[in-house]
Amino acid sequence: MPYTAAADTRVGHIHLKVADLDRAIAFYRDVLGFEIQQRYGDQAVFLSAGG
């Protein structure tokens, strides 16, 4: 049976493992408009979509 989320359901945060961090940052920042909140060298980055 398909799952239907409640209308007020929101995504708090997600964690993605990527092969190329700089390329992923460029996509989320330049294409989707996310803003860098914190970067941890070449290991991790926190991005925000706002709200």
C-alpha atoms as a PDB file:
ATOM      1  CA  MET A   1       0.000   0.000   0.000  1.00  0.00           C
ATOM      2  CA  PRO A   2       1.413   3.464  -0.901  1.00  0.00           C
ATOM      3  CA  TYR A   3       2.302   5.815   1.934  1.00  0.00           C
ATOM      4  CA  THR A   4       0.710   9.266   2.004  1.00  0.00           C
ATOM      5  CA  ALA A   5       2.317  11.840   4.294  1.00  0.00           C
ATOM      6  CA  ALA A   6       0.243  14.366   6.194  1.00  0.00           C
ATOM      7  CA  ALA A   7      -0.190  17.708   4.398  1.00  0.00           C
ATOM      8  CA  ASP A   8       1.930  19.563   6.978  1.00  0.00           C
ATOM      9  CA  THR A   9       4.889  17.144   6.710  1.00  0.00           C
ATOM     10  CA  ARG A  10       8.241  18.905   6.198  1.00  0.00           C
ATOM     11  CA  VAL A  11      11.790  17.715   5.593  1.00  0.00           C
ATOM     12  CA  GLY A  12      14.078  18.815   8.437  1.00  0.00           C
ATOM     13  CA  HIS A  13      17.393  17.679   6.993  1.00  0.00           C
ATOM     14  CA  ILE A  14      18.910  14.955   4.882  1.00  0.00           C
ATOM     15  CA  HIS A  15      22.366  13.406   4.679  1.00  0.00           C
ATOM     16  CA  LEU A  16      23.807  12.472   1.294  1.00  0.00           C
ATOM     17  CA  LYS A  17      27.109  10.752   0.586  1.00  0.00           C
ATOM     18  CA  VAL A  18      28.546  11.988  -2.714  1.00  0.00           C
ATOM     19  CA  ALA A  19      31.614  11.035  -4.738  1.00  0.00           C
ATOM     20  CA  ASP A  20      32.567  14.638  -5.566  1.00  0.00           C
ATOM     21  CA  LEU A  21      31.770  17.192  -2.859  1.00  0.00           C
ATOM     22  CA  ASP A  22      32.716  20.262  -4.910  1.00  0.00           C
ATOM     23  CA  ARG A  23      30.533  19.138  -7.805  1.00  0.00           C
ATOM     24  CA  ALA A  24      27.616  18.463  -5.454  1.00  0.00           C
ATOM     25  CA  ILE A  25      28.035  21.888  -3.831  1.00  0.00           C
ATOM     26  CA  ALA A  26      28.063  23.557  -7.250  1.00  0.00           C
ATOM     27  CA  PHE A  27      24.808  21.808  -8.181  1.00  0.00           C
ATOM     28  CA  TYR A  28      22.928  22.539  -4.965  1.00  0.00           C
ATOM     29  CA  ARG A  29      24.229  26.114  -4.735  1.00  0.00           C
ATOM     30  CA  ASP A  30      24.272  27.231  -8.378  1.00  0.00           C
ATOM     31  CA  VAL A  31      21.361  25.248  -9.823  1.00  0.00           C
ATOM     32  CA  LEU A  32      18.989  24.879  -6.866  1.00  0.00           C
ATOM     33  CA  GLY A  33      19.922  28.066  -5.009  1.00  0.00           C
ATOM     34  CA  PHE A  34      20.964  26.501  -1.691  1.00  0.00           C
ATOM     35  CA  GLU A  35      23.273  28.523   0.575  1.00  0.00           C
ATOM     36  CA  ILE A  36      26.381  27.148   2.270  1.00  0.00           C
ATOM     37  CA  GLN A  37      25.972  27.310   6.041  1.00  0.00           C
ATOM     38  CA  GLN A  38      29.140  25.498   7.113  1.00  0.00           C
ATOM     39  CA  ARG A  39      31.897  23.646   5.311  1.00  0.00           C
ATOM     40  CA  TYR A  40      34.245  21.082   6.850  1.00  0.00           C
ATOM     41  CA  GLY A  41      37.124  20.933   4.391  1.00  0.00           C
ATOM     42  CA  ASP A  42      36.647  18.221   1.803  1.00  0.00           C
ATOM     43  CA  GLN A  43      34.622  16.029   4.174  1.00  0.00           C
ATOM     44  CA  ALA A  44      31.213  17.680   4.591  1.00  0.00           C
ATOM     45  CA  VAL A  45      29.093  20.742   4.001  1.00  0.00           C
ATOM     46  CA  PHE A  46      25.829  21.977   5.488  1.00  0.00           C
ATOM     47  CA  LEU A  47      23.572  23.662   2.934  1.00  0.00           C
ATOM     48  CA  SER A  48      20.284  25.460   3.486  1.00  0.00           C
ATOM     49  CA  ALA A  49      17.327  25.779   1.145  1.00  0.00           C
ATOM     50  CA  GLY A  50      15.866  28.446   3.417  1.00  0.00           C
ATOM     51  CA  GLY A  51      12.877  28.257   5.683  1.00  0.00           C
END
